[in-house]
Amino acid sequence: MERIRAIRPIRAIRDKKSEVNDMSQIVRIRKTHMVEREYLTGALEDLGYQWQENARLGLFGRRVDIKIRGMNVGFNKAASAYDIVMVGGLSAKNRDLLQALTQRYAYQAARAKLEAQGFSLASEEVREDGRIHLTLRRMA
């Protein structure tokens, strides 16, 4: 898996209406391999997350293309792939989420592309180390 690198946090600007905690931050992670919206939303659903389109994150009100409901994690489509945007930094919980999401995204993409080539799923096994083994068949 690609090493995750957090870029410089974006700090909120205080205004007269609200006080924003200076410890809060938005972290944007670039260079994911997630490029297809269909596979990303499918991966979120596989993991049991509900998502919404064009929503705002946290106190900052930053708009994202896809937001995980009940969490301050979202995704924005950049030129070539989705950027992951999260409020509060890259915690252990968020790292686990990204790892699981990356795996389910790859699963969604592989299944869709192989089915488009005429393969069908014969069996699926989740191994002890978390790897997923798919056996596919193509009918002639």
C-alpha atoms as a PDB file:
ATOM      1  CA  MET A   1       0.000   0.000   0.000  1.00  0.00           C
ATOM      2  CA  GLU A   2       1.201   3.478  -0.812  1.00  0.00           C
ATOM      3  CA  ARG A   3       2.507   5.455   2.142  1.00  0.00           C
ATOM      4  CA  ILE A   4      -0.012   8.043   3.270  1.00  0.00           C
ATOM      5  CA  ARG A   5       1.362  11.558   3.528  1.00  0.00           C
ATOM      6  CA  ALA A   6      -0.622  14.345   5.107  1.00  0.00           C
ATOM      7  CA  ILE A   7      -0.074  17.739   3.581  1.00  0.00           C
ATOM      8  CA  ARG A   8      -0.118  21.072   5.358  1.00  0.00           C
ATOM      9  CA  PRO A   9      -3.322  21.538   7.381  1.00  0.00           C
ATOM     10  CA  ILE A  10      -5.758  24.233   6.352  1.00  0.00           C
ATOM     11  CA  ARG A  11      -6.658  26.366   9.379  1.00  0.00           C
ATOM     12  CA  ALA A  12     -10.052  27.929   9.868  1.00  0.00           C
ATOM     13  CA  ILE A  13     -10.475  31.679   9.959  1.00  0.00           C
ATOM     14  CA  ARG A  14     -12.255  33.064  12.992  1.00  0.00           C
ATOM     15  CA  ASP A  15     -15.190  35.298  12.357  1.00  0.00           C
ATOM     16  CA  LYS A  16     -17.606  37.199  14.603  1.00  0.00           C
ATOM     17  CA  LYS A  17     -20.230  34.440  14.461  1.00  0.00           C
ATOM     18  CA  SER A  18     -18.233  31.439  15.633  1.00  0.00           C
ATOM     19  CA  GLU A  19     -15.171  30.386  17.528  1.00  0.00           C
ATOM     20  CA  VAL A  20     -13.111  27.646  15.922  1.00  0.00           C
ATOM     21  CA  ASN A  21     -10.723  25.504  17.933  1.00  0.00           C
ATOM     22  CA  ASP A  22      -7.176  26.117  16.638  1.00  0.00           C
ATOM     23  CA  MET A  23      -6.354  22.454  17.278  1.00  0.00           C
ATOM     24  CA  SER A  24      -8.878  21.386  14.660  1.00  0.00           C
ATOM     25  CA  GLN A  25      -7.547  20.982  11.195  1.00  0.00           C
ATOM     26  CA  ILE A  26      -8.470  19.668   7.806  1.00  0.00           C
ATOM     27  CA  VAL A  27      -6.025  17.198   6.348  1.00  0.00           C
ATOM     28  CA  ARG A  28      -6.055  16.476   2.639  1.00  0.00           C
ATOM     29  CA  ILE A  29      -4.410  13.309   1.377  1.00  0.00           C
ATOM     30  CA  ARG A  30      -3.437  13.284  -2.256  1.00  0.00           C
ATOM     31  CA  LYS A  31      -2.543  10.635  -4.791  1.00  0.00           C
ATOM     32  CA  THR A  32      -5.024   7.939  -3.992  1.00  0.00           C
ATOM     33  CA  HIS A  33      -5.633   5.382  -6.693  1.00  0.00           C
ATOM     34  CA  MET A  34      -9.375   5.905  -6.393  1.00  0.00           C
ATOM     35  CA  VAL A  35     -10.551   7.363  -9.683  1.00  0.00           C
ATOM     36  CA  GLU A  36     -14.048   5.962 -10.271  1.00  0.00           C
ATOM     37  CA  ARG A  37     -16.962   7.308  -8.247  1.00  0.00           C
ATOM     38  CA  GLU A  38     -18.939   4.067  -8.690  1.00  0.00           C
ATOM     39  CA  TYR A  39     -16.200   1.936  -7.115  1.00  0.00           C
ATOM     40  CA  LEU A  40     -15.603   4.435  -4.297  1.00  0.00           C
ATOM     41  CA  THR A  41     -19.262   4.599  -3.297  1.00  0.00           C
ATOM     42  CA  GLY A  42     -19.555   0.810  -3.676  1.00  0.00           C
ATOM     43  CA  ALA A  43     -16.568   0.351  -1.362  1.00  0.00           C
ATOM     44  CA  LEU A  44     -18.141   2.670   1.226  1.00  0.00           C
ATOM     45  CA  GLU A  45     -21.380   0.674   1.076  1.00  0.00           C
ATOM     46  CA  ASP A  46     -19.467  -2.633   1.370  1.00  0.00           C
ATOM     47  CA  LEU A  47     -17.960  -1.321   4.606  1.00  0.00           C
ATOM     48  CA  GLY A  48     -21.390  -0.328   5.927  1.00  0.00           C
ATOM     49  CA  TYR A  49     -21.028   3.436   5.536  1.00  0.00           C
ATOM     50  CA  GLN A  50     -23.751   5.699   4.235  1.00  0.00           C
ATOM     51  CA  TRP A  51     -22.593   8.599   2.108  1.00  0.00           C
ATOM     52  CA  GLN A  52     -23.968  11.817   0.727  1.00  0.00           C
ATOM     53  CA  GLU A  53     -23.092  14.039  -2.197  1.00  0.00           C
ATOM     54  CA  ASN A  54     -22.032  17.698  -2.048  1.00  0.00           C
ATOM     55  CA  ALA A  55     -21.907  17.926   1.737  1.00  0.00           C
ATOM     56  CA  ARG A  56     -19.921  20.007   4.205  1.00  0.00           C
ATOM     57  CA  LEU A  57     -17.277  18.786   6.648  1.00  0.00           C
ATOM     58  CA  GLY A  58     -17.120  19.760  10.307  1.00  0.00           C
ATOM     59  CA  LEU A  59     -16.966  23.252  11.714  1.00  0.00           C
ATOM     60  CA  PHE A  60     -15.107  24.540   8.684  1.00  0.00           C
ATOM     61  CA  GLY A  61     -17.959  23.981   6.287  1.00  0.00           C
ATOM     62  CA  ARG A  62     -15.598  22.792   3.583  1.00  0.00           C
ATOM     63  CA  ARG A  63     -17.599  21.300   0.714  1.00  0.00           C
ATOM     64  CA  VAL A  64     -16.718  17.808  -0.532  1.00  0.00           C
ATOM     65  CA  ASP A  65     -18.075  15.756  -3.441  1.00  0.00           C
ATOM     66  CA  ILE A  66     -18.716  12.673  -1.277  1.00  0.00           C
ATOM     67  CA  LYS A  67     -18.983  12.662   2.532  1.00  0.00           C
ATOM     68  CA  ILE A  68     -19.264   9.680   4.860  1.00  0.00           C
ATOM     69  CA  ARG A  69     -22.366  10.307   6.989  1.00  0.00           C
ATOM     70  CA  GLY A  70     -21.633  10.741  10.682  1.00  0.00           C
ATOM     71  CA  MET A  71     -17.912  11.227  10.104  1.00  0.00           C
ATOM     72  CA  ASN A  72     -15.729  14.176   9.208  1.00  0.00           C
ATOM     73  CA  VAL A  73     -14.259  12.349   6.223  1.00  0.00           C
ATOM     74  CA  GLY A  74     -14.944  13.169   2.602  1.00  0.00           C
ATOM     75  CA  PHE A  75     -13.618  12.944  -0.937  1.00  0.00           C
ATOM     76  CA  ASN A  76     -13.054  15.545  -3.643  1.00  0.00           C
ATOM     77  CA  LYS A  77     -12.449  14.671  -7.272  1.00  0.00           C
ATOM     78  CA  ALA A  78      -9.126  16.116  -8.386  1.00  0.00           C
ATOM     79  CA  ALA A  79      -7.722  15.994 -11.905  1.00  0.00           C
ATOM     80  CA  SER A  80      -6.842  12.303 -11.907  1.00  0.00           C
ATOM     81  CA  ALA A  81      -8.157  10.777  -8.659  1.00  0.00           C
ATOM     82  CA  TYR A  82     -10.089  11.496  -5.487  1.00  0.00           C
ATOM     83  CA  ASP A  83      -8.393  13.403  -2.671  1.00  0.00           C
ATOM     84  CA  ILE A  84      -9.389  12.298   0.813  1.00  0.00           C
ATOM     85  CA  VAL A  85     -10.286  15.194   3.111  1.00  0.00           C
ATOM     86  CA  MET A  86     -10.636  14.705   6.869  1.00  0.00           C
ATOM     87  CA  VAL A  87     -11.135  16.941   9.873  1.00  0.00           C
ATOM     88  CA  GLY A  88      -8.968  16.329  12.906  1.00  0.00           C
ATOM     89  CA  GLY A  89      -5.914  14.783  11.352  1.00  0.00           C
ATOM     90  CA  LEU A  90      -4.852  11.315  10.382  1.00  0.00           C
ATOM     91  CA  SER A  91      -5.792   9.277  13.463  1.00  0.00           C
ATOM     92  CA  ALA A  92      -5.347   5.513  13.831  1.00  0.00           C
ATOM     93  CA  LYS A  93      -9.092   5.123  13.199  1.00  0.00           C
ATOM     94  CA  ASN A  94      -8.818   7.098   9.953  1.00  0.00           C
ATOM     95  CA  ARG A  95      -5.767   5.075   8.865  1.00  0.00           C
ATOM     96  CA  ASP A  96      -7.722   1.845   9.411  1.00  0.00           C
ATOM     97  CA  LEU A  97     -10.618   3.292   7.426  1.00  0.00           C
ATOM     98  CA  LEU A  98      -8.315   4.219   4.538  1.00  0.00           C
ATOM     99  CA  GLN A  99      -6.743   0.771   4.486  1.00  0.00           C
ATOM    100  CA  ALA A 100     -10.128  -0.995   4.455  1.00  0.00           C
ATOM    101  CA  LEU A 101     -11.504   1.453   1.892  1.00  0.00           C
ATOM    102  CA  THR A 102      -8.516   0.957  -0.415  1.00  0.00           C
ATOM    103  CA  GLN A 103      -8.993  -2.814  -0.279  1.00  0.00           C
ATOM    104  CA  ARG A 104     -12.738  -2.628  -0.970  1.00  0.00           C
ATOM    105  CA  TYR A 105     -12.167  -0.121  -3.795  1.00  0.00           C
ATOM    106  CA  ALA A 106      -9.701  -2.535  -5.438  1.00  0.00           C
ATOM    107  CA  TYR A 107     -12.208  -5.353  -4.960  1.00  0.00           C
ATOM    108  CA  GLN A 108     -15.014  -3.328  -6.571  1.00  0.00           C
ATOM    109  CA  ALA A 109     -12.811  -2.294  -9.507  1.00  0.00           C
ATOM    110  CA  ALA A 110     -11.458  -5.803 -10.127  1.00  0.00           C
ATOM    111  CA  ARG A 111     -14.902  -7.421 -10.024  1.00  0.00           C
ATOM    112  CA  ALA A 112     -16.443  -4.852 -12.369  1.00  0.00           C
ATOM    113  CA  LYS A 113     -13.622  -4.992 -14.906  1.00  0.00           C
ATOM    114  CA  LEU A 114     -13.455  -8.794 -14.924  1.00  0.00           C
ATOM    115  CA  GLU A 115     -17.234  -9.148 -15.232  1.00  0.00           C
ATOM    116  CA  ALA A 116     -17.115  -6.734 -18.190  1.00  0.00           C
ATOM    117  CA  GLN A 117     -14.664  -9.159 -19.826  1.00  0.00           C
ATOM    118  CA  GLY A 118     -17.066 -12.080 -19.391  1.00  0.00           C
ATOM    119  CA  PHE A 119     -15.802 -13.574 -16.121  1.00  0.00           C
ATOM    120  CA  SER A 120     -18.131 -14.658 -13.330  1.00  0.00           C
ATOM    121  CA  LEU A 121     -17.300 -15.194  -9.674  1.00  0.00           C
ATOM    122  CA  ALA A 122     -16.953 -18.884  -8.793  1.00  0.00           C
ATOM    123  CA  SER A 123     -15.757 -18.421  -5.196  1.00  0.00           C
ATOM    124  CA  GLU A 124     -14.442 -15.836  -2.791  1.00  0.00           C
ATOM    125  CA  GLU A 125     -12.296 -16.433   0.291  1.00  0.00           C
ATOM    126  CA  VAL A 126     -11.060 -13.968   2.903  1.00  0.00           C
ATOM    127  CA  ARG A 127      -7.754 -15.237   4.242  1.00  0.00           C
ATOM    128  CA  GLU A 128      -6.477 -14.896   7.817  1.00  0.00           C
ATOM    129  CA  ASP A 129      -4.200 -12.015   6.864  1.00  0.00           C
ATOM    130  CA  GLY A 130      -7.162 -10.114   5.380  1.00  0.00           C
ATOM    131  CA  ARG A 131      -6.345 -10.762   1.725  1.00  0.00           C
ATOM    132  CA  ILE A 132      -9.265 -11.660  -0.517  1.00  0.00           C
ATOM    133  CA  HIS A 133      -8.849 -14.566  -2.941  1.00  0.00           C
ATOM    134  CA  LEU A 134     -11.262 -14.581  -5.891  1.00  0.00           C
ATOM    135  CA  THR A 135     -11.773 -17.498  -8.243  1.00  0.00           C
ATOM    136  CA  LEU A 136     -13.371 -16.464 -11.511  1.00  0.00           C
ATOM    137  CA  ARG A 137     -14.525 -18.371 -14.569  1.00  0.00           C
ATOM    138  CA  ARG A 138     -15.156 -17.296 -18.101  1.00  0.00           C
ATOM    139  CA  MET A 139     -17.755 -19.113 -20.106  1.00  0.00           C
ATOM    140  CA  ALA A 140     -16.699 -19.767 -23.681  1.00  0.00           C
END
